[in-house]
Amino acid sequence: VNAVIATIPVGKRPSGIAVGGGFVWVANGKGKSVSRIDPKTNAVMVTIEVDGEPATVTARGSDVWISCQLRGKEEILG
């Protein structure tokens, strides 16, 4: 269809997106956070603060991995 069906505000400078555990996860690079979105309602359910600037987010099943820039570490959410 190539049409925008929803616009969902998240944190500062979104830098990665993944789907897992029934949610959409967005890494907010400058916001130092990750947003968990319910795709059924298109609403941010929670914003989770992380240590560093998240660059990428990867999900497999209900596990979610975030890699943070400048810190060289990963955090596991979910």
C-alpha atoms as a PDB file:
ATOM      1  CA  VAL A   1       0.000   0.000   0.000  1.00  0.00           C
ATOM      2  CA  ASN A   2       2.969   2.324   0.651  1.00  0.00           C
ATOM      3  CA  ALA A   3       1.075   4.566   3.035  1.00  0.00           C
ATOM      4  CA  VAL A   4       1.791   5.870   6.534  1.00  0.00           C
ATOM      5  CA  ILE A   5      -0.781   4.260   8.825  1.00  0.00           C
ATOM      6  CA  ALA A   6       0.438   5.702  12.142  1.00  0.00           C
ATOM      7  CA  THR A   7       2.998   8.113  13.539  1.00  0.00           C
ATOM      8  CA  ILE A   8       4.171   7.254  17.040  1.00  0.00           C
ATOM      9  CA  PRO A   9       6.280   9.767  19.001  1.00  0.00           C
ATOM     10  CA  VAL A  10       9.269   8.155  20.745  1.00  0.00           C
ATOM     11  CA  GLY A  11      12.487   9.461  22.346  1.00  0.00           C
ATOM     12  CA  LYS A  12      15.198  11.653  20.842  1.00  0.00           C
ATOM     13  CA  ARG A  13      16.840  10.513  17.591  1.00  0.00           C
ATOM     14  CA  PRO A  14      15.440   7.006  17.039  1.00  0.00           C
ATOM     15  CA  SER A  15      18.313   4.859  15.771  1.00  0.00           C
ATOM     16  CA  GLY A  16      17.023   1.285  15.604  1.00  0.00           C
ATOM     17  CA  ILE A  17      13.822  -0.733  15.536  1.00  0.00           C
ATOM     18  CA  ALA A  18      12.965  -4.400  16.126  1.00  0.00           C
ATOM     19  CA  VAL A  19       9.902  -6.581  16.676  1.00  0.00           C
ATOM     20  CA  GLY A  20       9.842  -9.189  19.442  1.00  0.00           C
ATOM     21  CA  GLY A  21       7.716 -10.526  22.268  1.00  0.00           C
ATOM     22  CA  GLY A  22       4.598  -9.014  20.737  1.00  0.00           C
ATOM     23  CA  PHE A  23       5.993  -5.482  20.851  1.00  0.00           C
ATOM     24  CA  VAL A  24       7.883  -3.028  18.656  1.00  0.00           C
ATOM     25  CA  TRP A  25      11.124  -1.821  20.264  1.00  0.00           C
ATOM     26  CA  VAL A  26      12.784   1.492  19.332  1.00  0.00           C
ATOM     27  CA  ALA A  27      16.295   2.525  20.387  1.00  0.00           C
ATOM     28  CA  ASN A  28      16.296   6.272  21.120  1.00  0.00           C
ATOM     29  CA  GLY A  29      19.933   7.268  20.486  1.00  0.00           C
ATOM     30  CA  LYS A  30      20.078  10.713  22.070  1.00  0.00           C
ATOM     31  CA  GLY A  31      17.282   9.954  24.508  1.00  0.00           C
ATOM     32  CA  LYS A  32      19.371   7.240  26.227  1.00  0.00           C
ATOM     33  CA  SER A  33      16.266   5.078  26.278  1.00  0.00           C
ATOM     34  CA  VAL A  34      14.307   2.337  24.559  1.00  0.00           C
ATOM     35  CA  SER A  35      10.587   2.619  23.800  1.00  0.00           C
ATOM     36  CA  ARG A  36       8.284  -0.425  23.907  1.00  0.00           C
ATOM     37  CA  ILE A  37       5.297   0.026  21.589  1.00  0.00           C
ATOM     38  CA  ASP A  38       2.105  -2.028  21.495  1.00  0.00           C
ATOM     39  CA  PRO A  39       1.434  -2.574  17.770  1.00  0.00           C
ATOM     40  CA  LYS A  40      -2.270  -3.204  18.442  1.00  0.00           C
ATOM     41  CA  THR A  41      -2.805   0.278  19.875  1.00  0.00           C
ATOM     42  CA  ASN A  42       0.192   2.122  18.344  1.00  0.00           C
ATOM     43  CA  ALA A  43       0.949   3.468  21.824  1.00  0.00           C
ATOM     44  CA  VAL A  44       4.239   3.623  23.721  1.00  0.00           C
ATOM     45  CA  MET A  45       3.702   1.312  26.692  1.00  0.00           C
ATOM     46  CA  VAL A  46       6.926   2.169  28.521  1.00  0.00           C
ATOM     47  CA  THR A  47      10.188   4.029  27.979  1.00  0.00           C
ATOM     48  CA  ILE A  48      13.180   2.298  29.568  1.00  0.00           C
ATOM     49  CA  GLU A  49      16.300   4.318  30.414  1.00  0.00           C
ATOM     50  CA  VAL A  50      19.617   2.676  29.475  1.00  0.00           C
ATOM     51  CA  ASP A  51      23.250   3.426  30.264  1.00  0.00           C
ATOM     52  CA  GLY A  52      24.672   5.112  27.168  1.00  0.00           C
ATOM     53  CA  GLU A  53      23.249   5.969  23.768  1.00  0.00           C
ATOM     54  CA  PRO A  54      21.455   2.978  22.231  1.00  0.00           C
ATOM     55  CA  ALA A  55      22.472   2.474  18.610  1.00  0.00           C
ATOM     56  CA  THR A  56      20.776  -0.780  17.648  1.00  0.00           C
ATOM     57  CA  VAL A  57      18.064  -3.035  18.970  1.00  0.00           C
ATOM     58  CA  THR A  58      17.627  -6.721  18.126  1.00  0.00           C
ATOM     59  CA  ALA A  59      14.837  -9.048  19.218  1.00  0.00           C
ATOM     60  CA  ARG A  60      14.413 -12.807  19.127  1.00  0.00           C
ATOM     61  CA  GLY A  61      11.304 -14.260  20.675  1.00  0.00           C
ATOM     62  CA  SER A  62      10.767 -12.387  23.927  1.00  0.00           C
ATOM     63  CA  ASP A  63      14.465 -11.438  24.341  1.00  0.00           C
ATOM     64  CA  VAL A  64      15.612  -7.950  23.351  1.00  0.00           C
ATOM     65  CA  TRP A  65      19.242  -6.815  23.012  1.00  0.00           C
ATOM     66  CA  ILE A  66      20.407  -3.217  22.913  1.00  0.00           C
ATOM     67  CA  SER A  67      23.897  -2.084  21.916  1.00  0.00           C
ATOM     68  CA  CYS A  68      24.974   1.293  23.254  1.00  0.00           C
ATOM     69  CA  GLN A  69      27.480   3.634  21.614  1.00  0.00           C
ATOM     70  CA  LEU A  70      30.359   5.139  23.533  1.00  0.00           C
ATOM     71  CA  ARG A  71      30.033   2.586  26.287  1.00  0.00           C
ATOM     72  CA  GLY A  72      30.844  -0.636  24.436  1.00  0.00           C
ATOM     73  CA  LYS A  73      28.320  -2.652  26.409  1.00  0.00           C
ATOM     74  CA  GLU A  74      25.049  -4.420  25.819  1.00  0.00           C
ATOM     75  CA  GLU A  75      21.951  -4.650  27.961  1.00  0.00           C
ATOM     76  CA  ILE A  76      19.331  -7.382  27.797  1.00  0.00           C
ATOM     77  CA  LEU A  77      15.715  -6.302  28.166  1.00  0.00           C
ATOM     78  CA  GLY A  78      12.569  -8.371  28.243  1.00  0.00           C
END
